Amino acid sequence: MQYRTLGRTGVQVSSLALGAMNFGSIGRTTQEEATAIVDAALEGGINLIDTADRYSGGESEEMVGKAIAGRREDIVLATKASLPMSDEPNHKGASRRWLVTELDNSLRRLGVDHVDLYQIHRWDPATSDEETLSALTDLQRAGKIRYFGSSTFPAYRIVEAQWAAREHHLGRYVTEQPSYSVLQRGVESHVLPVTERYGLGVLVWSPLASGWLSGAVRAGREIATHRSAVLPERFDTSLPANRARIDAVEKLAAVADEAGLTMIQLALGFVTAHPAVTAALVGPRTLDHLRAQLAAADTVLSDDVLDAIDAIVAPGTDLAAHEKSDATPALLDPSLRRR
């Protein structure tokens, strides 16, 4: 396992990190299975675990807390907030009122007195940067969080938050968590240059592109992954974007075969090769999934392999741009671009 500095914090984190989104009802993972996955991840050299209040309505945090009990000090623990936790209008967002309340809820579920990294799960257009950063700075000073970061923010919002921190003399986001994979490379055009400019650590999610790059999705085979059952439209090969993805997957499989790599090694080796990326978050549902992902921990792709990937999916290209989570709101809501 490789270890890298998380932005400018001085904290050393593993180049593969354990994402716990599948712990609980989302991934149909039991506590026993979750604990076994955490055990194997730590044994394999992973030292960063990332979860969120939203995952299975808090169940993921509870499972992580039980799995790490008694060994908290050796783990860099990260969680997130801002996505809705109920139908109550104030049980979401990045206001001081909600973040102070929800961090206490997360700490209770995790069974800890602090988290190392607290992230705003999505940009909240209703709340000013000053409001959010002021609350996070106070929580940091209170010792409840060590650092704070953003997740899936558009590039211009990352910049504006950095300037707001400077203008109001507040703590700043030290990490960003974007979606990034061979099939979704748009962040190379805007987000990653900004994170490099401001020295942010980058923890990328969905490096296996929701299973498209796991090796389980191939042309001519029935797609029967867990994610395809939950989001069938994202795997419907009658749709143009999905046909483009399956074509790319077949070409990438040939590159992996020639290089003597699995698809997972190719996919994880690709994202961790980018100089802006600190770690790739893997989200296994089973121990077998984790073992296949840990096998990529020391994968270093040659320039020839990286060039071959570029020839299949051009740098800065998203093959499924409509699935992006960091789009400017006006691109998704017509009412925001019409007078």
Protein backbone atom coordinates (compact mmCIF):
# COMPACT_ATOMS: atom_id res chain seq x y z
CA MET A 1 0.00 0.00 0.00
CA GLN A 2 1.21 3.47 -0.85
CA TYR A 3 0.69 6.40 1.54
CA ARG A 4 0.27 10.00 0.50
CA THR A 5 -0.08 13.33 2.24
CA LEU A 6 -3.69 14.51 2.42
CA GLY A 7 -3.41 17.93 0.80
CA ARG A 8 -1.38 20.22 3.03
CA THR A 9 -2.53 18.67 6.30
CA GLY A 10 0.52 16.50 6.88
CA VAL A 11 -1.77 13.51 7.50
CA GLN A 12 -0.67 10.33 5.72
CA VAL A 13 -3.46 8.30 4.11
CA SER A 14 -3.50 5.12 2.05
CA SER A 15 -3.86 5.46 -1.73
CA LEU A 16 -6.92 3.21 -1.50
CA ALA A 17 -9.55 4.20 1.06
CA LEU A 18 -12.55 2.25 2.31
CA GLY A 19 -15.90 3.77 1.39
CA ALA A 20 -18.75 2.50 3.58
CA MET A 21 -21.75 3.44 1.44
CA ASN A 22 -22.66 -0.24 1.02
CA PHE A 23 -22.75 -0.91 4.75
CA GLY A 24 -26.36 -1.44 5.78
CA SER A 25 -29.54 -1.60 3.74
CA ILE A 26 -28.07 0.03 0.61
CA GLY A 27 -25.69 -2.86 0.05
CA ARG A 28 -27.60 -5.40 2.13
CA THR A 29 -24.48 -5.77 4.28
CA THR A 30 -24.77 -7.10 7.82
CA GLN A 31 -22.71 -5.91 10.80
CA GLU A 32 -20.71 -9.12 10.73
CA GLU A 33 -19.89 -8.61 7.04
CA ALA A 34 -19.06 -4.95 7.54
CA THR A 35 -16.70 -5.74 10.42
CA ALA A 36 -14.97 -8.42 8.34
CA ILE A 37 -14.50 -5.93 5.51
CA VAL A 38 -13.05 -3.33 7.88
CA ASP A 39 -10.75 -5.95 9.40
CA ALA A 40 -9.45 -7.00 5.98
CA ALA A 41 -9.07 -3.39 4.81
CA LEU A 42 -6.97 -2.43 7.83
CA GLU A 43 -4.90 -5.59 7.49
CA GLY A 44 -4.33 -4.69 3.82
CA GLY A 45 -2.93 -1.28 4.77
CA ILE A 46 -5.98 0.95 4.34
CA ASN A 47 -6.11 3.59 7.07
CA LEU A 48 -8.85 5.94 5.80
CA ILE A 49 -12.54 5.03 6.21
CA ASP A 50 -15.19 7.27 4.66
CA THR A 51 -18.90 7.18 5.42
CA ALA A 52 -21.84 9.63 5.58
CA ASP A 53 -24.92 10.34 7.64
CA ARG A 54 -27.08 9.72 4.56
CA TYR A 55 -25.87 6.18 3.88
CA SER A 56 -28.75 3.87 4.85
CA GLY A 57 -30.15 6.62 7.06
CA GLY A 58 -27.23 6.52 9.50
CA GLU A 59 -26.88 2.75 9.55
CA SER A 60 -23.51 2.88 7.81
CA GLU A 61 -22.08 5.17 10.48
CA GLU A 62 -23.36 2.86 13.20
CA MET A 63 -21.76 -0.16 11.53
CA VAL A 64 -18.45 1.64 11.02
CA GLY A 65 -18.47 2.71 14.66
CA LYS A 66 -18.93 -0.85 15.88
CA ALA A 67 -16.31 -2.18 13.44
CA ILE A 68 -13.59 0.25 14.55
CA ALA A 69 -14.28 0.10 18.28
CA GLY A 70 -11.05 -0.20 20.22
CA ARG A 71 -8.77 0.88 17.36
CA ARG A 72 -9.94 4.40 16.57
CA GLU A 73 -6.55 6.07 16.95
CA ASP A 74 -4.97 4.34 13.95
CA ILE A 75 -7.81 5.25 11.58
CA VAL A 76 -8.39 8.46 9.65
CA LEU A 77 -12.17 8.66 9.99
CA ALA A 78 -14.25 10.72 7.58
CA THR A 79 -17.96 11.36 7.31
CA LYS A 80 -20.27 13.75 5.49
CA ALA A 81 -23.46 15.79 5.91
CA SER A 82 -25.88 18.05 4.01
CA LEU A 83 -28.08 15.62 2.07
CA PRO A 84 -31.65 15.26 3.42
CA MET A 85 -32.07 13.02 6.46
CA SER A 86 -35.87 13.33 6.65
CA ASP A 87 -38.79 15.24 5.14
CA GLU A 88 -38.27 18.02 7.66
CA PRO A 89 -37.04 21.03 5.62
CA ASN A 90 -34.25 21.90 8.06
CA HIS A 91 -32.86 18.35 8.30
CA LYS A 92 -30.53 18.98 5.39
CA GLY A 93 -28.17 21.55 3.95
CA ALA A 94 -25.07 23.33 5.21
CA SER A 95 -26.48 25.83 7.70
CA ARG A 96 -24.90 26.23 11.12
CA ARG A 97 -28.16 25.02 12.68
CA TRP A 98 -28.08 21.71 10.84
CA LEU A 99 -24.34 21.01 10.79
CA VAL A 100 -23.96 21.47 14.56
CA THR A 101 -26.91 19.18 15.20
CA GLU A 102 -26.04 16.55 12.63
CA LEU A 103 -22.38 16.30 13.57
CA ASP A 104 -23.47 15.38 17.10
CA ASN A 105 -25.78 12.76 15.59
CA SER A 106 -22.91 11.35 13.51
CA LEU A 107 -20.55 11.25 16.49
CA ARG A 108 -23.19 9.38 18.49
CA ARG A 109 -23.75 6.85 15.70
CA LEU A 110 -20.01 6.37 15.20
CA GLY A 111 -19.37 6.10 18.94
CA VAL A 112 -16.47 8.59 18.83
CA ASP A 113 -15.75 12.06 20.20
CA HIS A 114 -14.37 13.48 16.93
CA VAL A 115 -13.95 12.77 13.24
CA ASP A 116 -10.78 13.53 11.34
CA LEU A 117 -12.52 14.83 8.22
CA TYR A 118 -16.02 16.31 8.03
CA GLN A 119 -17.25 16.91 4.49
CA ILE A 120 -20.14 18.85 2.97
CA HIS A 121 -21.72 16.09 0.89
CA ARG A 122 -23.08 18.44 -1.78
CA TRP A 123 -22.96 22.18 -2.29
CA ASP A 124 -25.98 23.87 -0.69
CA PRO A 125 -27.09 26.80 -2.89
CA ALA A 126 -29.34 28.11 -0.09
CA THR A 127 -26.47 28.69 2.35
CA SER A 128 -23.62 31.18 2.10
CA ASP A 129 -20.00 30.06 2.24
CA GLU A 130 -19.46 32.33 5.25
CA GLU A 131 -22.28 30.61 7.18
CA THR A 132 -20.99 27.11 6.47
CA LEU A 133 -17.29 27.83 6.94
CA SER A 134 -17.95 29.73 10.18
CA ALA A 135 -19.84 26.74 11.61
CA LEU A 136 -17.16 24.29 10.49
CA THR A 137 -14.40 26.47 11.91
CA ASP A 138 -16.13 26.59 15.29
CA LEU A 139 -16.64 22.81 15.26
CA GLN A 140 -12.94 22.41 14.50
CA ARG A 141 -11.97 24.72 17.35
CA ALA A 142 -14.26 22.74 19.65
CA GLY A 143 -12.25 19.61 18.83
CA LYS A 144 -15.15 17.74 17.23
CA ILE A 145 -13.53 17.70 13.79
CA ARG A 146 -9.88 17.89 12.83
CA TYR A 147 -10.34 19.09 9.21
CA PHE A 148 -13.20 19.78 6.84
CA GLY A 149 -13.71 19.35 3.12
CA SER A 150 -16.17 19.47 0.25
CA SER A 151 -17.66 16.72 -1.87
CA THR A 152 -18.73 16.89 -5.51
CA PHE A 153 -18.49 20.68 -5.67
CA PRO A 154 -18.32 22.42 -9.06
CA ALA A 155 -14.90 23.96 -9.65
CA TYR A 156 -16.11 27.53 -9.34
CA ARG A 157 -17.71 26.73 -5.96
CA ILE A 158 -14.40 25.33 -4.71
CA VAL A 159 -12.71 28.58 -5.70
CA GLU A 160 -15.41 30.78 -4.14
CA ALA A 161 -15.20 28.86 -0.86
CA GLN A 162 -11.44 29.32 -0.75
CA TRP A 163 -11.85 33.06 -1.27
CA ALA A 164 -14.62 33.27 1.33
CA ALA A 165 -12.36 31.58 3.89
CA ARG A 166 -9.63 34.12 3.15
CA GLU A 167 -11.96 37.12 3.18
CA HIS A 168 -13.65 36.22 6.47
CA HIS A 169 -10.54 34.74 8.17
CA LEU A 170 -12.12 31.32 8.54
CA GLY A 171 -10.85 27.77 8.20
CA ARG A 172 -10.88 26.44 4.64
CA TYR A 173 -11.81 23.22 2.92
CA VAL A 174 -8.67 21.09 2.74
CA THR A 175 -10.11 18.26 0.64
CA GLU A 176 -12.49 17.67 -2.24
CA GLN A 177 -14.25 14.39 -3.05
CA PRO A 178 -15.21 14.24 -6.76
CA SER A 179 -16.45 11.41 -8.94
CA TYR A 180 -13.63 10.28 -11.23
CA SER A 181 -13.00 7.24 -13.39
CA VAL A 182 -11.74 6.22 -16.83
CA LEU A 183 -15.30 6.65 -18.11
CA GLN A 184 -16.00 9.95 -16.33
CA ARG A 185 -13.00 12.22 -16.84
CA GLY A 186 -14.67 15.63 -16.87
CA VAL A 187 -13.07 16.68 -13.56
CA GLU A 188 -9.71 16.68 -15.33
CA SER A 189 -10.83 19.82 -17.17
CA HIS A 190 -11.91 21.91 -14.22
CA VAL A 191 -12.02 20.39 -10.71
CA LEU A 192 -8.59 18.74 -10.52
CA PRO A 193 -6.68 21.81 -11.77
CA VAL A 194 -8.41 23.85 -9.07
CA THR A 195 -7.62 21.35 -6.31
CA GLU A 196 -3.98 21.36 -7.39
CA ARG A 197 -3.93 25.16 -7.40
CA TYR A 198 -5.24 25.35 -3.82
CA GLY A 199 -3.40 22.32 -2.47
CA LEU A 200 -6.50 20.27 -1.64
CA GLY A 201 -6.35 16.56 -0.98
CA VAL A 202 -8.56 14.63 -3.42
CA LEU A 203 -10.49 11.49 -2.48
CA VAL A 204 -12.21 10.19 -5.61
CA TRP A 205 -15.45 8.25 -5.47
CA SER A 206 -16.80 5.74 -7.99
CA PRO A 207 -13.39 4.93 -9.54
CA LEU A 208 -14.96 1.72 -10.89
CA ALA A 209 -17.77 3.76 -12.49
CA SER A 210 -20.59 2.09 -10.53
CA GLY A 211 -19.33 -1.34 -11.56
CA TRP A 212 -18.77 -0.67 -15.27
CA LEU A 213 -15.03 -1.14 -14.70
CA SER A 214 -15.24 -4.06 -12.26
CA GLY A 215 -14.89 -6.72 -14.95
CA ALA A 216 -18.48 -7.86 -14.39
CA VAL A 217 -19.87 -5.74 -17.23
CA ARG A 218 -18.96 -6.96 -20.71
CA ALA A 219 -20.57 -6.96 -24.14
CA GLY A 220 -22.80 -9.92 -24.86
CA ARG A 221 -23.29 -10.76 -21.18
CA GLU A 222 -26.33 -10.14 -19.04
CA ILE A 223 -25.59 -7.28 -16.66
CA ALA A 224 -26.54 -8.56 -13.22
CA THR A 225 -24.59 -6.38 -10.80
CA HIS A 226 -26.08 -5.02 -7.56
CA ARG A 227 -25.97 -1.48 -8.92
CA SER A 228 -27.70 -2.44 -12.18
CA ALA A 229 -30.61 -3.82 -10.17
CA VAL A 230 -30.91 -0.54 -8.23
CA LEU A 231 -30.36 1.80 -11.21
CA PRO A 232 -31.30 -0.20 -14.32
CA GLU A 233 -31.39 2.84 -16.62
CA ARG A 234 -27.67 3.38 -16.06
CA PHE A 235 -26.97 -0.05 -17.55
CA ASP A 236 -29.57 -0.15 -20.34
CA THR A 237 -27.36 -0.78 -23.38
CA SER A 238 -30.09 0.43 -25.73
CA LEU A 239 -29.27 3.97 -24.60
CA PRO A 240 -26.52 5.83 -26.55
CA ALA A 241 -24.45 6.76 -23.47
CA ASN A 242 -24.44 3.18 -22.26
CA ARG A 243 -23.52 1.85 -25.70
CA ALA A 244 -20.55 4.22 -25.65
CA ARG A 245 -19.57 2.90 -22.25
CA ILE A 246 -19.78 -0.75 -23.23
CA ASP A 247 -17.70 -0.06 -26.36
CA ALA A 248 -15.07 1.66 -24.20
CA VAL A 249 -15.11 -1.18 -21.66
CA GLU A 250 -14.37 -3.76 -24.37
CA LYS A 251 -11.40 -1.73 -25.63
CA LEU A 252 -10.15 -1.16 -22.09
CA ALA A 253 -10.41 -4.89 -21.36
CA ALA A 254 -8.10 -5.55 -24.28
CA VAL A 255 -5.59 -3.03 -22.90
CA ALA A 256 -5.78 -4.65 -19.45
CA ASP A 257 -5.30 -8.14 -20.89
CA GLU A 258 -2.25 -7.06 -22.87
CA ALA A 259 -0.74 -5.43 -19.77
CA GLY A 260 -1.48 -8.49 -17.60
CA LEU A 261 -3.88 -6.57 -15.39
CA THR A 262 -7.43 -7.03 -14.19
CA MET A 263 -9.98 -4.38 -15.08
CA ILE A 264 -10.03 -3.31 -11.45
CA GLN A 265 -6.25 -2.85 -11.43
CA LEU A 266 -6.47 -0.83 -14.63
CA ALA A 267 -9.28 1.36 -13.30
CA LEU A 268 -7.79 2.04 -9.86
CA GLY A 269 -4.27 2.40 -11.24
CA PHE A 270 -5.59 5.02 -13.65
CA VAL A 271 -7.19 7.33 -11.09
CA THR A 272 -4.37 7.04 -8.55
CA ALA A 273 -1.84 7.90 -11.27
CA HIS A 274 -3.18 11.45 -11.57
CA PRO A 275 -0.93 13.82 -9.58
CA ALA A 276 -3.93 15.62 -8.08
CA VAL A 277 -5.46 12.45 -6.61
CA THR A 278 -4.62 11.44 -3.05
CA ALA A 279 -6.73 8.29 -2.74
CA ALA A 280 -9.39 6.27 -4.52
CA LEU A 281 -12.42 5.25 -2.47
CA VAL A 282 -13.46 1.64 -2.95
CA GLY A 283 -16.90 0.57 -1.76
CA PRO A 284 -16.98 -3.23 -1.49
CA ARG A 285 -20.14 -5.10 -0.57
CA THR A 286 -18.29 -8.36 0.07
CA LEU A 287 -14.88 -9.55 1.17
CA ASP A 288 -14.22 -10.91 -2.33
CA HIS A 289 -14.87 -7.45 -3.77
CA LEU A 290 -12.40 -5.94 -1.31
CA ARG A 291 -9.71 -8.52 -2.02
CA ALA A 292 -9.95 -7.84 -5.76
CA GLN A 293 -9.62 -4.11 -5.06
CA LEU A 294 -6.72 -4.49 -2.63
CA ALA A 295 -4.86 -6.35 -5.38
CA ALA A 296 -4.65 -2.97 -7.15
CA ALA A 297 -2.99 -1.20 -4.22
CA ASP A 298 0.48 -1.22 -5.73
CA THR A 299 -0.52 -1.04 -9.40
CA VAL A 300 1.51 1.48 -11.38
CA LEU A 301 0.44 1.92 -14.99
CA SER A 302 3.10 2.48 -17.63
CA ASP A 303 2.99 5.47 -19.95
CA ASP A 304 2.05 3.13 -22.80
CA VAL A 305 -1.00 1.88 -20.90
CA LEU A 306 -2.03 5.42 -19.90
CA ASP A 307 -1.64 6.53 -23.52
CA ALA A 308 -3.82 3.63 -24.66
CA ILE A 309 -6.51 4.66 -22.16
CA ASP A 310 -6.36 8.25 -23.45
CA ALA A 311 -6.93 6.95 -26.98
CA ILE A 312 -10.12 5.16 -25.85
CA VAL A 313 -11.59 7.88 -23.62
CA ALA A 314 -10.12 11.30 -24.29
CA PRO A 315 -8.87 13.35 -21.32
CA GLY A 316 -11.57 15.56 -19.84
CA THR A 317 -14.40 13.50 -21.39
CA ASP A 318 -17.49 12.23 -19.59
CA LEU A 319 -19.15 9.34 -21.40
CA ALA A 320 -22.29 9.85 -19.31
CA ALA A 321 -22.37 13.58 -18.65
CA HIS A 322 -26.04 13.42 -17.62
CA GLU A 323 -25.03 11.43 -14.53
CA LYS A 324 -22.68 14.10 -13.21
CA SER A 325 -23.40 15.25 -9.66
CA ASP A 326 -21.41 18.49 -9.80
CA ALA A 327 -23.22 20.21 -12.66
CA THR A 328 -24.23 23.87 -12.30
CA PRO A 329 -27.90 23.81 -11.16
CA ALA A 330 -29.03 25.81 -14.22
CA LEU A 331 -27.87 22.97 -16.48
CA LEU A 332 -30.28 20.59 -14.78
CA ASP A 333 -33.28 22.88 -14.06
CA PRO A 334 -34.60 24.79 -17.11
CA SER A 335 -36.35 27.35 -14.87
CA LEU A 336 -32.96 28.58 -13.68
CA ARG A 337 -31.83 29.56 -17.19
CA ARG A 338 -35.02 31.30 -18.36
CA ARG A 339 -36.39 34.69 -17.43
